[in-house]
PDB file of all heavy atoms in Angstrom:
ATOM      1  N   LEU A   1      82.228  99.297  83.344  1.00  0.00           N
ATOM      2  CA  LEU A   1      82.448 100.727  83.266  1.00  0.00           C
ATOM      3  C   LEU A   1      81.347 101.401  84.085  1.00  0.00           C
ATOM      4  O   LEU A   1      80.173 101.066  83.932  1.00  0.00           O
ATOM      5  CB  LEU A   1      82.338 101.139  81.797  1.00  0.00           C
ATOM      6  CG  LEU A   1      82.925 102.470  81.393  1.00  0.00           C
ATOM      7  CD1 LEU A   1      84.390 102.565  81.786  1.00  0.00           C
ATOM      8  CD2 LEU A   1      82.791 102.623  79.882  1.00  0.00           C
ATOM      9  N   ALA A   2      81.720 102.332  84.960  1.00  0.00           N
ATOM     10  CA  ALA A   2      80.703 103.032  85.755  1.00  0.00           C
ATOM     11  C   ALA A   2      79.874 103.929  84.837  1.00  0.00           C
ATOM     12  O   ALA A   2      80.403 104.536  83.907  1.00  0.00           O
ATOM     13  CB  ALA A   2      81.381 103.861  86.838  1.00  0.00           C
ATOM     14  N   SER A   3      78.593 104.017  85.099  1.00  0.00           N
ATOM     15  CA  SER A   3      77.721 104.890  84.307  1.00  0.00           C
ATOM     16  C   SER A   3      77.988 106.339  84.722  1.00  0.00           C
ATOM     17  O   SER A   3      78.534 106.582  85.803  1.00  0.00           O
ATOM     18  CB  SER A   3      76.262 104.559  84.613  1.00  0.00           C
ATOM     19  OG  SER A   3      75.960 104.981  85.938  1.00  0.00           O
ATOM     20  N   PRO A   4      77.588 107.312  83.878  1.00  0.00           N
ATOM     21  CA  PRO A   4      77.774 108.716  84.251  1.00  0.00           C
ATOM     22  C   PRO A   4      77.179 109.041  85.632  1.00  0.00           C
ATOM     23  O   PRO A   4      77.755 109.796  86.404  1.00  0.00           O
ATOM     24  CB  PRO A   4      77.051 109.477  83.142  1.00  0.00           C
ATOM     25  CG  PRO A   4      77.165 108.574  81.952  1.00  0.00           C
ATOM     26  CD  PRO A   4      77.090 107.162  82.501  1.00  0.00           C
ATOM     27  N   GLU A   5      76.029 108.429  85.962  1.00  0.00           N
ATOM     28  CA  GLU A   5      75.407 108.675  87.267  1.00  0.00           C
ATOM     29  C   GLU A   5      76.292 108.133  88.380  1.00  0.00           C
ATOM     30  O   GLU A   5      76.466 108.766  89.420  1.00  0.00           O
ATOM     31  CB  GLU A   5      74.027 107.996  87.356  1.00  0.00           C
ATOM     32  CG  GLU A   5      72.984 108.532  86.384  1.00  0.00           C
ATOM     33  CD  GLU A   5      73.230 108.099  84.931  1.00  0.00           C
ATOM     34  OE1 GLU A   5      73.738 106.978  84.705  1.00  0.00           O
ATOM     35  OE2 GLU A   5      72.928 108.898  84.026  1.00  0.00           O
ATOM     36  N   GLU A   6      76.829 106.936  88.153  1.00  0.00           N
ATOM     37  CA  GLU A   6      77.694 106.324  89.169  1.00  0.00           C
ATOM     38  C   GLU A   6      78.976 107.136  89.345  1.00  0.00           C
ATOM     39  O   GLU A   6      79.445 107.334  90.464  1.00  0.00           O
ATOM     40  CB  GLU A   6      78.030 104.877  88.773  1.00  0.00           C
ATOM     41  CG  GLU A   6      76.832 103.954  88.912  1.00  0.00           C
ATOM     42  CD  GLU A   6      77.015 102.612  88.202  1.00  0.00           C
ATOM     43  OE1 GLU A   6      77.739 102.528  87.187  1.00  0.00           O
ATOM     44  OE2 GLU A   6      76.415 101.632  88.673  1.00  0.00           O
ATOM     45  N   VAL A   7      79.530 107.612  88.230  1.00  0.00           N
ATOM     46  CA  VAL A   7      80.751 108.426  88.299  1.00  0.00           C
ATOM     47  C   VAL A   7      80.495 109.663  89.166  1.00  0.00           C
ATOM     48  O   VAL A   7      81.259 109.979  90.069  1.00  0.00           O
ATOM     49  CB  VAL A   7      81.208 108.854  86.879  1.00  0.00           C
ATOM     50  CG1 VAL A   7      82.300 109.921  86.961  1.00  0.00           C
ATOM     51  CG2 VAL A   7      81.710 107.644  86.109  1.00  0.00           C
ATOM     52  N   GLN A   8      79.383 110.339  88.896  1.00  0.00           N
ATOM     53  CA  GLN A   8      79.030 111.549  89.637  1.00  0.00           C
ATOM     54  C   GLN A   8      78.850 111.235  91.125  1.00  0.00           C
ATOM     55  O   GLN A   8      79.337 111.952  91.997  1.00  0.00           O
ATOM     56  CB  GLN A   8      77.733 112.126  89.048  1.00  0.00           C
ATOM     57  CG  GLN A   8      77.298 113.441  89.663  1.00  0.00           C
ATOM     58  CD  GLN A   8      78.165 114.620  89.230  1.00  0.00           C
ATOM     59  OE1 GLN A   8      78.219 114.958  88.062  1.00  0.00           O
ATOM     60  NE2 GLN A   8      78.850 115.236  90.176  1.00  0.00           N
ATOM     61  N   ARG A   9      78.162 110.121  91.407  1.00  0.00           N
ATOM     62  CA  ARG A   9      77.862 109.772  92.796  1.00  0.00           C
ATOM     63  C   ARG A   9      79.121 109.337  93.555  1.00  0.00           C
ATOM     64  O   ARG A   9      79.331 109.697  94.706  1.00  0.00           O
ATOM     65  CB  ARG A   9      76.822 108.640  92.808  1.00  0.00           C
ATOM     66  CG  ARG A   9      76.317 108.247  94.187  1.00  0.00           C
ATOM     67  CD  ARG A   9      75.151 107.284  94.068  1.00  0.00           C
ATOM     68  NE  ARG A   9      75.436 106.250  93.062  1.00  0.00           N
ATOM     69  CZ  ARG A   9      75.871 105.022  93.311  1.00  0.00           C
ATOM     70  NH1 ARG A   9      76.050 104.654  94.410  1.00  0.00           N
ATOM     71  NH2 ARG A   9      76.126 104.141  92.379  1.00  0.00           N
ATOM     72  N   ILE A  10      79.981 108.550  92.892  1.00  0.00           N
ATOM     73  CA  ILE A  10      81.149 107.980  93.572  1.00  0.00           C
ATOM     74  C   ILE A  10      82.333 108.957  93.605  1.00  0.00           C
ATOM     75  O   ILE A  10      82.957 109.149  94.637  1.00  0.00           O
ATOM     76  CB  ILE A  10      81.573 106.661  92.885  1.00  0.00           C
ATOM     77  CG1 ILE A  10      80.445 105.632  93.047  1.00  0.00           C
ATOM     78  CG2 ILE A  10      82.881 106.127  93.465  1.00  0.00           C
ATOM     79  CD1 ILE A  10      80.570 104.432  92.117  1.00  0.00           C
ATOM     80  N   ALA A  11      82.626 109.568  92.446  1.00  0.00           N
ATOM     81  CA  ALA A  11      83.808 110.432  92.367  1.00  0.00           C
ATOM     82  C   ALA A  11      83.472 111.893  92.670  1.00  0.00           C
ATOM     83  O   ALA A  11      84.308 112.648  93.150  1.00  0.00           O
ATOM     84  CB  ALA A  11      84.462 110.316  90.996  1.00  0.00           C
ATOM     85  N   GLY A  12      82.230 112.292  92.348  1.00  0.00           N
ATOM     86  CA  GLY A  12      81.822 113.667  92.608  1.00  0.00           C
ATOM     87  C   GLY A  12      82.007 114.604  91.433  1.00  0.00           C
ATOM     88  O   GLY A  12      81.782 115.801  91.546  1.00  0.00           O
ATOM     89  N   TYR A  13      82.432 114.048  90.298  1.00  0.00           N
ATOM     90  CA  TYR A  13      82.670 114.872  89.103  1.00  0.00           C
ATOM     91  C   TYR A  13      81.879 114.307  87.937  1.00  0.00           C
ATOM     92  O   TYR A  13      81.571 113.123  87.909  1.00  0.00           O
ATOM     93  CB  TYR A  13      84.156 114.857  88.724  1.00  0.00           C
ATOM     94  CG  TYR A  13      85.045 115.444  89.785  1.00  0.00           C
ATOM     95  CD1 TYR A  13      85.629 114.629  90.743  1.00  0.00           C
ATOM     96  CD2 TYR A  13      85.302 116.812  89.835  1.00  0.00           C
ATOM     97  CE1 TYR A  13      86.448 115.160  91.738  1.00  0.00           C
ATOM     98  CE2 TYR A  13      86.118 117.356  90.824  1.00  0.00           C
ATOM     99  CZ  TYR A  13      86.689 116.530  91.770  1.00  0.00           C
ATOM    100  OH  TYR A  13      87.481 117.059  92.740  1.00  0.00           O
ATOM    101  N   PRO A  14      81.621 115.151  86.917  1.00  0.00           N
ATOM    102  CA  PRO A  14      80.986 114.629  85.711  1.00  0.00           C
ATOM    103  C   PRO A  14      81.916 113.650  85.000  1.00  0.00           C
ATOM    104  O   PRO A  14      83.134 113.842  84.998  1.00  0.00           O
ATOM    105  CB  PRO A  14      80.735 115.868  84.853  1.00  0.00           C
ATOM    106  CG  PRO A  14      81.489 116.986  85.473  1.00  0.00           C
ATOM    107  CD  PRO A  14      81.862 116.600  86.860  1.00  0.00           C
ATOM    108  N   ALA A  15      81.351 112.603  84.419  1.00  0.00           N
ATOM    109  CA  ALA A  15      82.153 111.642  83.653  1.00  0.00           C
ATOM    110  C   ALA A  15      82.868 112.408  82.557  1.00  0.00           C
ATOM    111  O   ALA A  15      82.304 113.312  81.946  1.00  0.00           O
ATOM    112  CB  ALA A  15      81.255 110.574  83.047  1.00  0.00           C
ATOM    113  N   GLY A  16      84.122 112.082  82.309  1.00  0.00           N
ATOM    114  CA  GLY A  16      84.863 112.787  81.272  1.00  0.00           C
ATOM    115  C   GLY A  16      85.684 113.932  81.847  1.00  0.00           C
ATOM    116  O   GLY A  16      86.557 114.454  81.181  1.00  0.00           O
ATOM    117  N   ALA A  17      85.406 114.317  83.099  1.00  0.00           N
ATOM    118  CA  ALA A  17      86.177 115.403  83.703  1.00  0.00           C
ATOM    119  C   ALA A  17      86.832 114.943  85.011  1.00  0.00           C
ATOM    120  O   ALA A  17      87.303 115.757  85.785  1.00  0.00           O
ATOM    121  CB  ALA A  17      85.272 116.606  83.968  1.00  0.00           C
ATOM    122  N   ILE A  18      86.813 113.629  85.251  1.00  0.00           N
ATOM    123  CA  ILE A  18      87.347 113.127  86.522  1.00  0.00           C
ATOM    124  C   ILE A  18      88.827 113.440  86.640  1.00  0.00           C
ATOM    125  O   ILE A  18      89.603 113.065  85.772  1.00  0.00           O
ATOM    126  CB  ILE A  18      87.223 111.589  86.625  1.00  0.00           C
ATOM    127  CG1 ILE A  18      85.816 111.096  86.351  1.00  0.00           C
ATOM    128  CG2 ILE A  18      87.662 111.099  88.004  1.00  0.00           C
ATOM    129  CD1 ILE A  18      85.679 109.611  86.577  1.00  0.00           C
ATOM    130  N   PRO A  19      89.217 114.100  87.718  1.00  0.00           N
ATOM    131  CA  PRO A  19      90.649 114.264  87.958  1.00  0.00           C
ATOM    132  C   PRO A  19      91.216 112.957  88.529  1.00  0.00           C
ATOM    133  O   PRO A  19      90.440 112.094  88.944  1.00  0.00           O
ATOM    134  CB  PRO A  19      90.699 115.385  89.006  1.00  0.00           C
ATOM    135  CG  PRO A  19      89.374 115.353  89.694  1.00  0.00           C
ATOM    136  CD  PRO A  19      88.401 114.733  88.750  1.00  0.00           C
ATOM    137  N   PRO A  20      92.536 112.812  88.563  1.00  0.00           N
ATOM    138  CA  PRO A  20      93.118 111.566  89.065  1.00  0.00           C
ATOM    139  C   PRO A  20      93.035 111.428  90.584  1.00  0.00           C
ATOM    140  O   PRO A  20      93.229 110.352  91.122  1.00  0.00           O
ATOM    141  CB  PRO A  20      94.581 111.643  88.620  1.00  0.00           C
ATOM    142  CG  PRO A  20      94.826 113.049  88.221  1.00  0.00           C
ATOM    143  CD  PRO A  20      93.516 113.703  87.936  1.00  0.00           C
ATOM    144  N   PHE A  21      92.738 112.538  91.275  1.00  0.00           N
ATOM    145  CA  PHE A  21      92.612 112.508  92.739  1.00  0.00           C
ATOM    146  C   PHE A  21      91.618 113.575  93.158  1.00  0.00           C
ATOM    147  O   PHE A  21      90.989 114.192  92.307  1.00  0.00           O
ATOM    148  CB  PHE A  21      93.973 112.734  93.414  1.00  0.00           C
ATOM    149  CG  PHE A  21      94.767 113.847  92.803  1.00  0.00           C
ATOM    150  CD1 PHE A  21      94.416 115.178  92.983  1.00  0.00           C
ATOM    151  CD2 PHE A  21      95.861 113.561  91.990  1.00  0.00           C
ATOM    152  CE1 PHE A  21      95.138 116.209  92.396  1.00  0.00           C
ATOM    153  CE2 PHE A  21      96.597 114.586  91.396  1.00  0.00           C
ATOM    154  CZ  PHE A  21      96.229 115.912  91.604  1.00  0.00           C
ATOM    155  N   ALA A  22      91.471 113.797  94.482  1.00  0.00           N
ATOM    156  CA  ALA A  22      90.522 114.792  95.018  1.00  0.00           C
ATOM    157  C   ALA A  22      89.077 114.378  94.761  1.00  0.00           C
ATOM    158  O   ALA A  22      88.239 115.186  94.406  1.00  0.00           O
ATOM    159  CB  ALA A  22      90.787 116.191  94.427  1.00  0.00           C
ATOM    160  N   HIS A  23      88.812 113.096  94.928  1.00  0.00           N
ATOM    161  CA  HIS A  23      87.454 112.594  94.707  1.00  0.00           C
ATOM    162  C   HIS A  23      86.634 112.693  95.984  1.00  0.00           C
ATOM    163  O   HIS A  23      87.173 112.888  97.067  1.00  0.00           O
ATOM    164  CB  HIS A  23      87.506 111.138  94.237  1.00  0.00           C
ATOM    165  CG  HIS A  23      88.407 110.923  93.069  1.00  0.00           C
ATOM    166  ND1 HIS A  23      89.523 110.133  93.128  1.00  0.00           N
ATOM    167  CD2 HIS A  23      88.386 111.453  91.827  1.00  0.00           C
ATOM    168  CE1 HIS A  23      90.143 110.168  91.959  1.00  0.00           C
ATOM    169  NE2 HIS A  23      89.481 110.964  91.158  1.00  0.00           N
ATOM    170  N   LEU A  24      85.345 112.493  95.818  1.00  0.00           N
ATOM    171  CA  LEU A  24      84.401 112.508  96.927  1.00  0.00           C
ATOM    172  C   LEU A  24      84.767 111.401  97.917  1.00  0.00           C
ATOM    173  O   LEU A  24      84.753 111.599  99.126  1.00  0.00           O
ATOM    174  CB  LEU A  24      83.004 112.258  96.349  1.00  0.00           C
ATOM    175  CG  LEU A  24      81.806 112.753  97.113  1.00  0.00           C
ATOM    176  CD1 LEU A  24      81.974 114.199  97.510  1.00  0.00           C
ATOM    177  CD2 LEU A  24      80.558 112.575  96.267  1.00  0.00           C
ATOM    178  N   ASN A  25      85.037 110.230  97.397  1.00  0.00           N
ATOM    179  CA  ASN A  25      85.461 109.102  98.226  1.00  0.00           C
ATOM    180  C   ASN A  25      86.866 108.731  97.800  1.00  0.00           C
ATOM    181  O   ASN A  25      87.229 108.911  96.648  1.00  0.00           O
ATOM    182  CB  ASN A  25      84.553 107.895  97.992  1.00  0.00           C
ATOM    183  CG  ASN A  25      83.108 108.230  98.282  1.00  0.00           C
ATOM    184  OD1 ASN A  25      82.745 108.462  99.418  1.00  0.00           O
ATOM    185  ND2 ASN A  25      82.283 108.284  97.246  1.00  0.00           N
ATOM    186  N   SER A  26      87.646 108.209  98.719  1.00  0.00           N
ATOM    187  CA  SER A  26      88.991 107.840  98.304  1.00  0.00           C
ATOM    188  C   SER A  26      88.881 106.569  97.453  1.00  0.00           C
ATOM    189  O   SER A  26      88.155 105.639  97.804  1.00  0.00           O
ATOM    190  CB  SER A  26      89.859 107.694  99.555  1.00  0.00           C
ATOM    191  OG  SER A  26      90.439 106.445  99.597  1.00  0.00           O
ATOM    192  N   LEU A  27      89.519 106.580  96.294  1.00  0.00           N
ATOM    193  CA  LEU A  27      89.346 105.492  95.321  1.00  0.00           C
ATOM    194  C   LEU A  27      90.619 104.670  95.158  1.00  0.00           C
ATOM    195  O   LEU A  27      91.715 105.227  95.074  1.00  0.00           O
ATOM    196  CB  LEU A  27      88.977 106.072  93.946  1.00  0.00           C
ATOM    197  CG  LEU A  27      87.650 106.823  93.855  1.00  0.00           C
ATOM    198  CD1 LEU A  27      87.517 107.488  92.493  1.00  0.00           C
ATOM    199  CD2 LEU A  27      86.481 105.885  94.099  1.00  0.00           C
ATOM    200  N   THR A  28      90.457 103.371  95.083  1.00  0.00           N
ATOM    201  CA  THR A  28      91.566 102.497  94.713  1.00  0.00           C
ATOM    202  C   THR A  28      91.958 102.878  93.288  1.00  0.00           C
ATOM    203  O   THR A  28      91.083 102.970  92.423  1.00  0.00           O
ATOM    204  CB  THR A  28      91.107 101.027  94.722  1.00  0.00           C
ATOM    205  OG1 THR A  28      90.634 100.731  96.035  1.00  0.00           O
ATOM    206  CG2 THR A  28      92.248 100.095  94.353  1.00  0.00           C
TER     207      THR A  28
END
């Protein structure tokens, strides 16, 4: 499981609020 810091760094959103798309990096 990604840590809250990793979530923020990779997806660009706070953990728990990640949308399914529109991330900082395109995610598999």
